[in-house]
Amino acid sequence: MIVTLSKVTIITERLLKEGVLDILKKEGSTGHTMTACEGAGSRGINASDWEGRNIQIETIASPDTAERILEAVSQKYMENYALIAYISEVKVLRKGKFSSELTAD
C-alpha cells in the first residue's frame, strides 16, 4: 500500500551533524540518510573552507513528526548557522518503516 508522508531535508554545516541527528531521534525519526554536499547561497560565507563539506540530512516521517523536527532545528540553529530546512510530500511503501507512530503494512 502506498501512503503519503513527509520528507525533511536539512542542509547545513558539518559541525551541526550530531546536534541535528539528536533532534531527529528525539522527535521520532526512525532513520536518516546523510550525504556530503556543496553549493552556493545568499550568505556568501562558506564554513566548509575550514570545517569540511556541508551535509544534507534527509528523513521520512509522519507530517506531525516532520513539523516537530523543523521547529526544533529552527529554534536551535537557524539564527546563527548556515542552514536550509524544508519539508516535501513523498509517497512511500512500507509506512511502518518510517515512523514508530505508524502501523506496519
N, C-alpha and C. Protein backbone atom coordinates (compact mmCIF):
# COMPACT_ATOMS: atom_id res chain seq x y z
N MET A 1 0.84 -1.19 0.00
CA MET A 1 0.00 0.00 0.00
C MET A 1 0.88 1.25 0.00
N ILE A 2 0.54 2.19 -0.83
CA ILE A 2 1.27 3.46 -0.91
C ILE A 2 0.63 4.46 0.04
N VAL A 3 1.46 5.17 0.79
CA VAL A 3 0.98 6.17 1.75
C VAL A 3 1.78 7.45 1.56
N THR A 4 1.16 8.59 1.83
CA THR A 4 1.82 9.88 1.73
C THR A 4 2.40 10.27 3.08
N LEU A 5 3.70 10.56 3.09
CA LEU A 5 4.39 11.01 4.30
C LEU A 5 5.16 12.28 3.98
N SER A 6 5.98 12.72 4.91
CA SER A 6 6.77 13.94 4.72
C SER A 6 8.26 13.61 4.74
N LYS A 7 9.00 14.22 3.81
CA LYS A 7 10.45 14.09 3.82
C LYS A 7 11.02 15.42 4.30
N VAL A 8 11.81 15.35 5.36
CA VAL A 8 12.50 16.52 5.88
C VAL A 8 13.91 16.53 5.29
N THR A 9 14.30 17.65 4.72
CA THR A 9 15.64 17.83 4.19
C THR A 9 16.29 18.98 4.94
N ILE A 10 17.48 18.72 5.48
CA ILE A 10 18.24 19.73 6.21
C ILE A 10 19.63 19.79 5.58
N ILE A 11 20.01 20.97 5.11
CA ILE A 11 21.33 21.18 4.54
C ILE A 11 22.03 22.19 5.44
N THR A 12 23.18 21.78 5.98
CA THR A 12 23.83 22.63 6.97
C THR A 12 25.32 22.37 7.06
N GLU A 13 25.95 23.09 7.94
CA GLU A 13 27.37 22.93 8.21
C GLU A 13 27.63 21.59 8.91
N ARG A 14 28.72 20.95 8.56
CA ARG A 14 29.05 19.64 9.14
C ARG A 14 29.13 19.68 10.67
N LEU A 15 29.52 20.80 11.24
CA LEU A 15 29.67 20.87 12.69
C LEU A 15 28.35 20.69 13.43
N LEU A 16 27.21 20.80 12.74
CA LEU A 16 25.90 20.60 13.38
C LEU A 16 25.41 19.16 13.28
N LYS A 17 26.18 18.29 12.68
CA LYS A 17 25.75 16.92 12.42
C LYS A 17 25.15 16.24 13.65
N GLU A 18 25.90 16.13 14.72
CA GLU A 18 25.44 15.39 15.91
C GLU A 18 24.20 16.04 16.52
N GLY A 19 24.17 17.36 16.58
CA GLY A 19 23.02 18.05 17.14
C GLY A 19 21.74 17.83 16.34
N VAL A 20 21.86 17.89 15.02
CA VAL A 20 20.70 17.66 14.15
C VAL A 20 20.23 16.21 14.27
N LEU A 21 21.18 15.27 14.27
CA LEU A 21 20.80 13.86 14.41
C LEU A 21 20.14 13.59 15.76
N ASP A 22 20.58 14.26 16.81
CA ASP A 22 19.93 14.13 18.12
C ASP A 22 18.49 14.61 18.07
N ILE A 23 18.25 15.74 17.38
CA ILE A 23 16.89 16.26 17.24
C ILE A 23 16.02 15.26 16.48
N LEU A 24 16.52 14.71 15.40
CA LEU A 24 15.75 13.73 14.63
C LEU A 24 15.30 12.58 15.52
N LYS A 25 16.24 12.05 16.26
CA LYS A 25 15.93 10.90 17.14
C LYS A 25 14.93 11.30 18.23
N LYS A 26 15.17 12.43 18.86
CA LYS A 26 14.29 12.90 19.94
C LYS A 26 12.86 13.11 19.46
N GLU A 27 12.71 13.62 18.24
CA GLU A 27 11.38 13.94 17.72
C GLU A 27 10.69 12.76 17.05
N GLY A 28 11.36 11.60 16.96
CA GLY A 28 10.67 10.41 16.49
C GLY A 28 11.09 9.85 15.15
N SER A 29 12.15 10.38 14.56
CA SER A 29 12.63 9.83 13.30
C SER A 29 13.19 8.43 13.54
N THR A 30 12.90 7.52 12.63
CA THR A 30 13.40 6.15 12.78
C THR A 30 14.65 5.89 11.96
N GLY A 31 15.12 6.88 11.19
CA GLY A 31 16.32 6.72 10.39
C GLY A 31 16.57 7.95 9.56
N HIS A 32 17.71 7.97 8.89
CA HIS A 32 18.05 9.13 8.06
C HIS A 32 19.05 8.71 6.99
N THR A 33 19.20 9.57 6.01
CA THR A 33 20.25 9.46 5.01
C THR A 33 21.05 10.75 5.06
N MET A 34 22.37 10.63 5.02
CA MET A 34 23.22 11.81 5.08
C MET A 34 24.23 11.75 3.95
N THR A 35 24.40 12.88 3.28
CA THR A 35 25.39 12.97 2.20
C THR A 35 26.18 14.27 2.35
N ALA A 36 27.42 14.25 1.88
CA ALA A 36 28.21 15.47 1.80
C ALA A 36 27.72 16.25 0.59
N CYS A 37 27.72 17.56 0.69
CA CYS A 37 27.23 18.36 -0.43
C CYS A 37 27.97 19.69 -0.52
N GLU A 38 27.85 20.32 -1.66
CA GLU A 38 28.43 21.63 -1.91
C GLU A 38 27.38 22.49 -2.58
N GLY A 39 27.56 23.79 -2.50
CA GLY A 39 26.64 24.69 -3.16
C GLY A 39 27.00 26.13 -2.85
N ALA A 40 26.16 27.02 -3.32
CA ALA A 40 26.34 28.44 -3.06
C ALA A 40 25.01 28.99 -2.59
N GLY A 41 25.08 30.03 -1.75
CA GLY A 41 23.85 30.58 -1.22
C GLY A 41 23.94 32.06 -0.97
N SER A 42 22.95 32.57 -0.29
CA SER A 42 22.82 34.01 -0.08
C SER A 42 23.76 34.56 0.98
N ARG A 43 24.29 33.73 1.86
CA ARG A 43 25.12 34.23 2.97
C ARG A 43 26.50 34.68 2.52
N GLY A 44 27.00 34.09 1.47
CA GLY A 44 28.31 34.49 0.98
C GLY A 44 29.46 34.01 1.85
N ILE A 45 29.18 33.26 2.92
CA ILE A 45 30.20 32.71 3.81
C ILE A 45 30.05 31.21 3.77
N ASN A 46 31.14 30.52 3.54
CA ASN A 46 31.08 29.07 3.48
C ASN A 46 32.02 28.49 4.52
N ALA A 47 31.44 27.99 5.61
CA ALA A 47 32.25 27.42 6.70
C ALA A 47 33.00 26.17 6.25
N SER A 48 32.61 25.59 5.12
CA SER A 48 33.24 24.36 4.68
C SER A 48 34.73 24.54 4.40
N ASP A 49 35.18 25.78 4.20
CA ASP A 49 36.59 26.01 3.95
C ASP A 49 37.45 25.54 5.12
N TRP A 50 36.93 25.61 6.33
CA TRP A 50 37.70 25.16 7.48
C TRP A 50 37.05 24.03 8.27
N GLU A 51 35.79 23.76 8.04
CA GLU A 51 35.08 22.71 8.76
C GLU A 51 34.78 21.47 7.92
N GLY A 52 35.06 21.50 6.64
CA GLY A 52 34.73 20.38 5.76
C GLY A 52 33.46 20.69 4.99
N ARG A 53 33.10 19.78 4.12
CA ARG A 53 31.92 19.98 3.27
C ARG A 53 30.65 20.06 4.10
N ASN A 54 29.66 20.72 3.54
CA ASN A 54 28.34 20.75 4.17
C ASN A 54 27.71 19.36 4.09
N ILE A 55 26.65 19.16 4.85
CA ILE A 55 25.94 17.89 4.83
C ILE A 55 24.48 18.12 4.51
N GLN A 56 23.88 17.12 3.92
CA GLN A 56 22.43 17.09 3.69
C GLN A 56 21.90 15.87 4.42
N ILE A 57 20.97 16.10 5.31
CA ILE A 57 20.34 15.03 6.08
C ILE A 57 18.88 14.96 5.68
N GLU A 58 18.41 13.75 5.35
CA GLU A 58 17.01 13.57 4.99
C GLU A 58 16.41 12.46 5.84
N THR A 59 15.16 12.66 6.22
CA THR A 59 14.42 11.63 6.93
C THR A 59 12.98 11.67 6.46
N ILE A 60 12.33 10.54 6.48
CA ILE A 60 10.91 10.45 6.12
C ILE A 60 10.14 10.12 7.39
N ALA A 61 9.07 10.86 7.60
CA ALA A 61 8.30 10.72 8.84
C ALA A 61 6.85 11.14 8.61
N SER A 62 6.06 10.98 9.64
CA SER A 62 4.69 11.48 9.57
C SER A 62 4.73 13.01 9.48
N PRO A 63 3.68 13.63 8.96
CA PRO A 63 3.67 15.09 8.88
C PRO A 63 3.88 15.76 10.25
N ASP A 64 3.29 15.22 11.30
CA ASP A 64 3.47 15.81 12.64
C ASP A 64 4.92 15.75 13.10
N THR A 65 5.55 14.59 12.91
CA THR A 65 6.95 14.43 13.28
C THR A 65 7.83 15.36 12.46
N ALA A 66 7.58 15.46 11.17
CA ALA A 66 8.36 16.33 10.30
C ALA A 66 8.28 17.79 10.77
N GLU A 67 7.12 18.25 11.12
CA GLU A 67 6.96 19.62 11.58
C GLU A 67 7.68 19.85 12.91
N ARG A 68 7.63 18.86 13.81
CA ARG A 68 8.36 18.98 15.09
C ARG A 68 9.86 19.07 14.84
N ILE A 69 10.36 18.27 13.91
CA ILE A 69 11.79 18.30 13.59
C ILE A 69 12.18 19.68 13.06
N LEU A 70 11.43 20.21 12.11
CA LEU A 70 11.75 21.52 11.55
C LEU A 70 11.70 22.61 12.61
N GLU A 71 10.70 22.57 13.46
CA GLU A 71 10.58 23.57 14.52
C GLU A 71 11.77 23.50 15.47
N ALA A 72 12.17 22.31 15.88
CA ALA A 72 13.30 22.16 16.81
C ALA A 72 14.61 22.61 16.18
N VAL A 73 14.85 22.22 14.92
CA VAL A 73 16.07 22.64 14.23
C VAL A 73 16.09 24.15 14.06
N SER A 74 14.95 24.71 13.70
CA SER A 74 14.86 26.15 13.52
C SER A 74 15.17 26.90 14.81
N GLN A 75 14.55 26.49 15.90
CA GLN A 75 14.75 27.17 17.18
C GLN A 75 16.20 27.09 17.66
N LYS A 76 16.84 25.95 17.43
CA LYS A 76 18.18 25.76 17.96
C LYS A 76 19.28 26.35 17.08
N TYR A 77 19.12 26.32 15.75
CA TYR A 77 20.23 26.63 14.87
C TYR A 77 20.02 27.73 13.83
N MET A 78 18.80 27.99 13.43
CA MET A 78 18.55 28.83 12.25
C MET A 78 19.17 30.23 12.36
N GLU A 79 19.15 30.82 13.51
CA GLU A 79 19.61 32.21 13.64
C GLU A 79 21.13 32.36 13.49
N ASN A 80 21.88 31.36 13.91
CA ASN A 80 23.33 31.53 13.99
C ASN A 80 24.17 30.66 13.07
N TYR A 81 23.55 29.83 12.26
CA TYR A 81 24.29 28.91 11.41
C TYR A 81 23.74 28.93 9.99
N ALA A 82 24.59 28.54 9.04
CA ALA A 82 24.14 28.37 7.67
C ALA A 82 23.32 27.08 7.63
N LEU A 83 22.04 27.21 7.37
CA LEU A 83 21.14 26.06 7.43
C LEU A 83 19.92 26.31 6.54
N ILE A 84 19.57 25.31 5.76
CA ILE A 84 18.33 25.33 4.99
C ILE A 84 17.57 24.09 5.40
N ALA A 85 16.27 24.23 5.62
CA ALA A 85 15.46 23.08 6.01
C ALA A 85 14.09 23.21 5.37
N TYR A 86 13.58 22.09 4.87
CA TYR A 86 12.25 22.11 4.26
C TYR A 86 11.61 20.74 4.30
N ILE A 87 10.30 20.73 4.08
CA ILE A 87 9.50 19.51 4.06
C ILE A 87 8.93 19.33 2.66
N SER A 88 9.00 18.09 2.17
CA SER A 88 8.39 17.72 0.89
C SER A 88 7.43 16.56 1.13
N GLU A 89 6.39 16.52 0.36
CA GLU A 89 5.46 15.39 0.43
C GLU A 89 6.02 14.25 -0.43
N VAL A 90 6.03 13.04 0.11
CA VAL A 90 6.51 11.87 -0.63
C VAL A 90 5.51 10.72 -0.48
N LYS A 91 5.49 9.86 -1.46
CA LYS A 91 4.67 8.66 -1.41
C LYS A 91 5.60 7.47 -1.24
N VAL A 92 5.31 6.63 -0.25
CA VAL A 92 6.22 5.53 0.09
C VAL A 92 5.46 4.22 0.28
N LEU A 93 6.21 3.15 0.18
CA LEU A 93 5.74 1.82 0.56
C LEU A 93 6.27 1.55 1.97
N ARG A 94 5.72 0.56 2.64
CA ARG A 94 6.20 0.15 3.96
C ARG A 94 6.16 1.30 4.96
N LYS A 95 4.99 1.89 5.15
CA LYS A 95 4.88 3.06 6.01
C LYS A 95 5.39 2.83 7.42
N GLY A 96 5.30 1.64 7.95
CA GLY A 96 5.77 1.36 9.30
C GLY A 96 7.27 1.51 9.46
N LYS A 97 8.01 1.47 8.37
CA LYS A 97 9.46 1.63 8.41
C LYS A 97 9.87 3.05 8.76
N PHE A 98 9.01 4.03 8.52
CA PHE A 98 9.39 5.42 8.63
C PHE A 98 8.93 6.12 9.91
N SER A 99 8.13 5.48 10.72
CA SER A 99 7.68 6.14 11.94
C SER A 99 7.15 5.13 12.92
N SER A 100 7.54 5.29 14.16
CA SER A 100 7.00 4.42 15.20
C SER A 100 5.54 4.74 15.48
N GLU A 101 5.06 5.91 14.99
CA GLU A 101 3.65 6.30 15.16
C GLU A 101 2.74 5.55 14.20
N LEU A 102 3.30 5.00 13.12
CA LEU A 102 2.51 4.38 12.08
C LEU A 102 2.55 2.86 12.23
N THR A 103 1.46 2.21 11.91
CA THR A 103 1.43 0.75 11.97
C THR A 103 2.02 0.20 10.68
N ALA A 104 2.68 -0.92 10.79
CA ALA A 104 3.29 -1.54 9.61
C ALA A 104 2.24 -2.10 8.69
N ASP A 105 2.60 -2.26 7.39
CA ASP A 105 1.68 -2.85 6.39
C ASP A 105 1.37 -4.27 6.74
